[in-house]
Amino acid sequence: MNSDTAVSMGSVEALLAEAMRALEAADATDAAEAVRLRYLGRSGELTLLKRGLKDLSPEERPAFGQRLNEASETLGAAIDAKKGA
């Protein structure tokens, strides 16, 4: 994995941490939905990173794509839990 991908993996981790902090600060269902849209929506930050997979080398795509999917699933589950609370 080259340093560009390492930076990208770090950016996924940083983005997930930022999203989780925003979700923790959300005090209503509407605020949780705003977090979902900001990070997982059609133009969301994690969604935009997924679109960038095409720019990675074929060797780098699987690990980066897997981490993006894990981050999306983690955030989605946390949002669902927050909405249900």
C-alpha atoms as a PDB file:
ATOM      1  CA  MET A   1       0.000   0.000   0.000  1.00  0.00           C
ATOM      2  CA  ASN A   2       1.524   3.319  -0.950  1.00  0.00           C
ATOM      3  CA  SER A   3       1.563   6.434   1.202  1.00  0.00           C
ATOM      4  CA  ASP A   4      -1.344   8.002  -0.724  1.00  0.00           C
ATOM      5  CA  THR A   5      -3.585   5.107   0.230  1.00  0.00           C
ATOM      6  CA  ALA A   6      -2.340   5.190   3.811  1.00  0.00           C
ATOM      7  CA  VAL A   7      -3.375   8.827   3.951  1.00  0.00           C
ATOM      8  CA  SER A   8      -6.715   7.883   2.430  1.00  0.00           C
ATOM      9  CA  MET A   9      -7.225   5.114   4.984  1.00  0.00           C
ATOM     10  CA  GLY A  10      -6.416   7.639   7.679  1.00  0.00           C
ATOM     11  CA  SER A  11      -8.938  10.009   6.186  1.00  0.00           C
ATOM     12  CA  VAL A  12     -11.613   7.306   6.411  1.00  0.00           C
ATOM     13  CA  GLU A  13     -10.796   6.813  10.087  1.00  0.00           C
ATOM     14  CA  ALA A  14     -10.808  10.563  10.730  1.00  0.00           C
ATOM     15  CA  LEU A  15     -14.085  11.002   8.855  1.00  0.00           C
ATOM     16  CA  LEU A  16     -15.724   8.173  10.797  1.00  0.00           C
ATOM     17  CA  ALA A  17     -14.529   9.655  14.097  1.00  0.00           C
ATOM     18  CA  GLU A  18     -15.858  13.071  13.070  1.00  0.00           C
ATOM     19  CA  ALA A  19     -19.212  11.570  12.087  1.00  0.00           C
ATOM     20  CA  MET A  20     -19.504   9.656  15.355  1.00  0.00           C
ATOM     21  CA  ARG A  21     -18.793  12.847  17.336  1.00  0.00           C
ATOM     22  CA  ALA A  22     -21.450  14.699  15.325  1.00  0.00           C
ATOM     23  CA  LEU A  23     -23.904  11.882  15.976  1.00  0.00           C
ATOM     24  CA  GLU A  24     -23.104  11.876  19.693  1.00  0.00           C
ATOM     25  CA  ALA A  25     -23.842  15.603  19.789  1.00  0.00           C
ATOM     26  CA  ALA A  26     -27.130  15.122  17.922  1.00  0.00           C
ATOM     27  CA  ASP A  27     -29.990  15.465  20.363  1.00  0.00           C
ATOM     28  CA  ALA A  28     -32.942  14.658  18.098  1.00  0.00           C
ATOM     29  CA  THR A  29     -33.967  12.343  15.292  1.00  0.00           C
ATOM     30  CA  ASP A  30     -33.755  15.240  12.836  1.00  0.00           C
ATOM     31  CA  ALA A  31     -30.154  15.928  13.853  1.00  0.00           C
ATOM     32  CA  ALA A  32     -29.283  12.234  13.454  1.00  0.00           C
ATOM     33  CA  GLU A  33     -30.817  12.306   9.979  1.00  0.00           C
ATOM     34  CA  ALA A  34     -28.717  15.359   9.130  1.00  0.00           C
ATOM     35  CA  VAL A  35     -25.600  13.387  10.130  1.00  0.00           C
ATOM     36  CA  ARG A  36     -26.727  10.514   7.903  1.00  0.00           C
ATOM     37  CA  LEU A  37     -27.191  12.838   4.952  1.00  0.00           C
ATOM     38  CA  ARG A  38     -23.871  14.602   5.505  1.00  0.00           C
ATOM     39  CA  TYR A  39     -21.837  11.397   5.566  1.00  0.00           C
ATOM     40  CA  LEU A  40     -23.894   8.673   3.868  1.00  0.00           C
ATOM     41  CA  GLY A  41     -26.242  10.590   1.582  1.00  0.00           C
ATOM     42  CA  ARG A  42     -25.958  10.789  -2.182  1.00  0.00           C
ATOM     43  CA  SER A  43     -23.381  13.584  -1.919  1.00  0.00           C
ATOM     44  CA  GLY A  44     -22.150  12.528   1.511  1.00  0.00           C
ATOM     45  CA  GLU A  45     -18.525  12.555   2.482  1.00  0.00           C
ATOM     46  CA  LEU A  46     -18.127   8.763   2.711  1.00  0.00           C
ATOM     47  CA  THR A  47     -20.083   8.372  -0.533  1.00  0.00           C
ATOM     48  CA  LEU A  48     -17.684  10.720  -2.294  1.00  0.00           C
ATOM     49  CA  LEU A  49     -14.725   8.677  -1.050  1.00  0.00           C
ATOM     50  CA  LYS A  50     -16.373   5.553  -2.493  1.00  0.00           C
ATOM     51  CA  ARG A  51     -16.596   7.260  -5.854  1.00  0.00           C
ATOM     52  CA  GLY A  52     -12.854   7.832  -5.672  1.00  0.00           C
ATOM     53  CA  LEU A  53     -12.148   4.085  -5.574  1.00  0.00           C
ATOM     54  CA  LYS A  54     -11.817   4.117  -9.356  1.00  0.00           C
ATOM     55  CA  ASP A  55      -8.708   6.283  -9.000  1.00  0.00           C
ATOM     56  CA  LEU A  56      -6.874   3.719  -6.868  1.00  0.00           C
ATOM     57  CA  SER A  57      -4.754   0.941  -8.281  1.00  0.00           C
ATOM     58  CA  PRO A  58      -6.446  -2.464  -8.563  1.00  0.00           C
ATOM     59  CA  GLU A  59      -4.237  -3.731  -5.726  1.00  0.00           C
ATOM     60  CA  GLU A  60      -5.342  -0.959  -3.377  1.00  0.00           C
ATOM     61  CA  ARG A  61      -9.071  -0.988  -4.080  1.00  0.00           C
ATOM     62  CA  PRO A  62     -10.110  -4.072  -2.072  1.00  0.00           C
ATOM     63  CA  ALA A  63      -8.664  -2.959   1.279  1.00  0.00           C
ATOM     64  CA  PHE A  64      -9.773   0.644   0.879  1.00  0.00           C
ATOM     65  CA  GLY A  65     -13.231  -0.379  -0.334  1.00  0.00           C
ATOM     66  CA  GLN A  66     -13.632  -2.805   2.544  1.00  0.00           C
ATOM     67  CA  ARG A  67     -12.704  -0.123   5.079  1.00  0.00           C
ATOM     68  CA  LEU A  68     -15.134   2.337   3.482  1.00  0.00           C
ATOM     69  CA  ASN A  69     -17.908  -0.251   3.643  1.00  0.00           C
ATOM     70  CA  GLU A  70     -17.127  -1.026   7.283  1.00  0.00           C
ATOM     71  CA  ALA A  71     -17.159   2.680   8.144  1.00  0.00           C
ATOM     72  CA  SER A  72     -20.494   3.151   6.351  1.00  0.00           C
ATOM     73  CA  GLU A  73     -22.034   0.161   8.124  1.00  0.00           C
ATOM     74  CA  THR A  74     -20.731   1.295  11.526  1.00  0.00           C
ATOM     75  CA  LEU A  75     -22.086   4.791  11.060  1.00  0.00           C
ATOM     76  CA  GLY A  76     -25.396   3.551   9.649  1.00  0.00           C
ATOM     77  CA  ALA A  77     -25.918   1.238  12.628  1.00  0.00           C
ATOM     78  CA  ALA A  78     -25.062   4.029  15.077  1.00  0.00           C
ATOM     79  CA  ILE A  79     -27.518   6.368  13.361  1.00  0.00           C
ATOM     80  CA  ASP A  80     -30.262   3.738  13.445  1.00  0.00           C
ATOM     81  CA  ALA A  81     -29.608   3.179  17.145  1.00  0.00           C
ATOM     82  CA  LYS A  82     -29.714   6.917  17.819  1.00  0.00           C
ATOM     83  CA  LYS A  83     -33.011   7.272  15.953  1.00  0.00           C
ATOM     84  CA  GLY A  84     -34.450   4.348  17.878  1.00  0.00           C
ATOM     85  CA  ALA A  85     -33.355   5.752  21.240  1.00  0.00           C
END
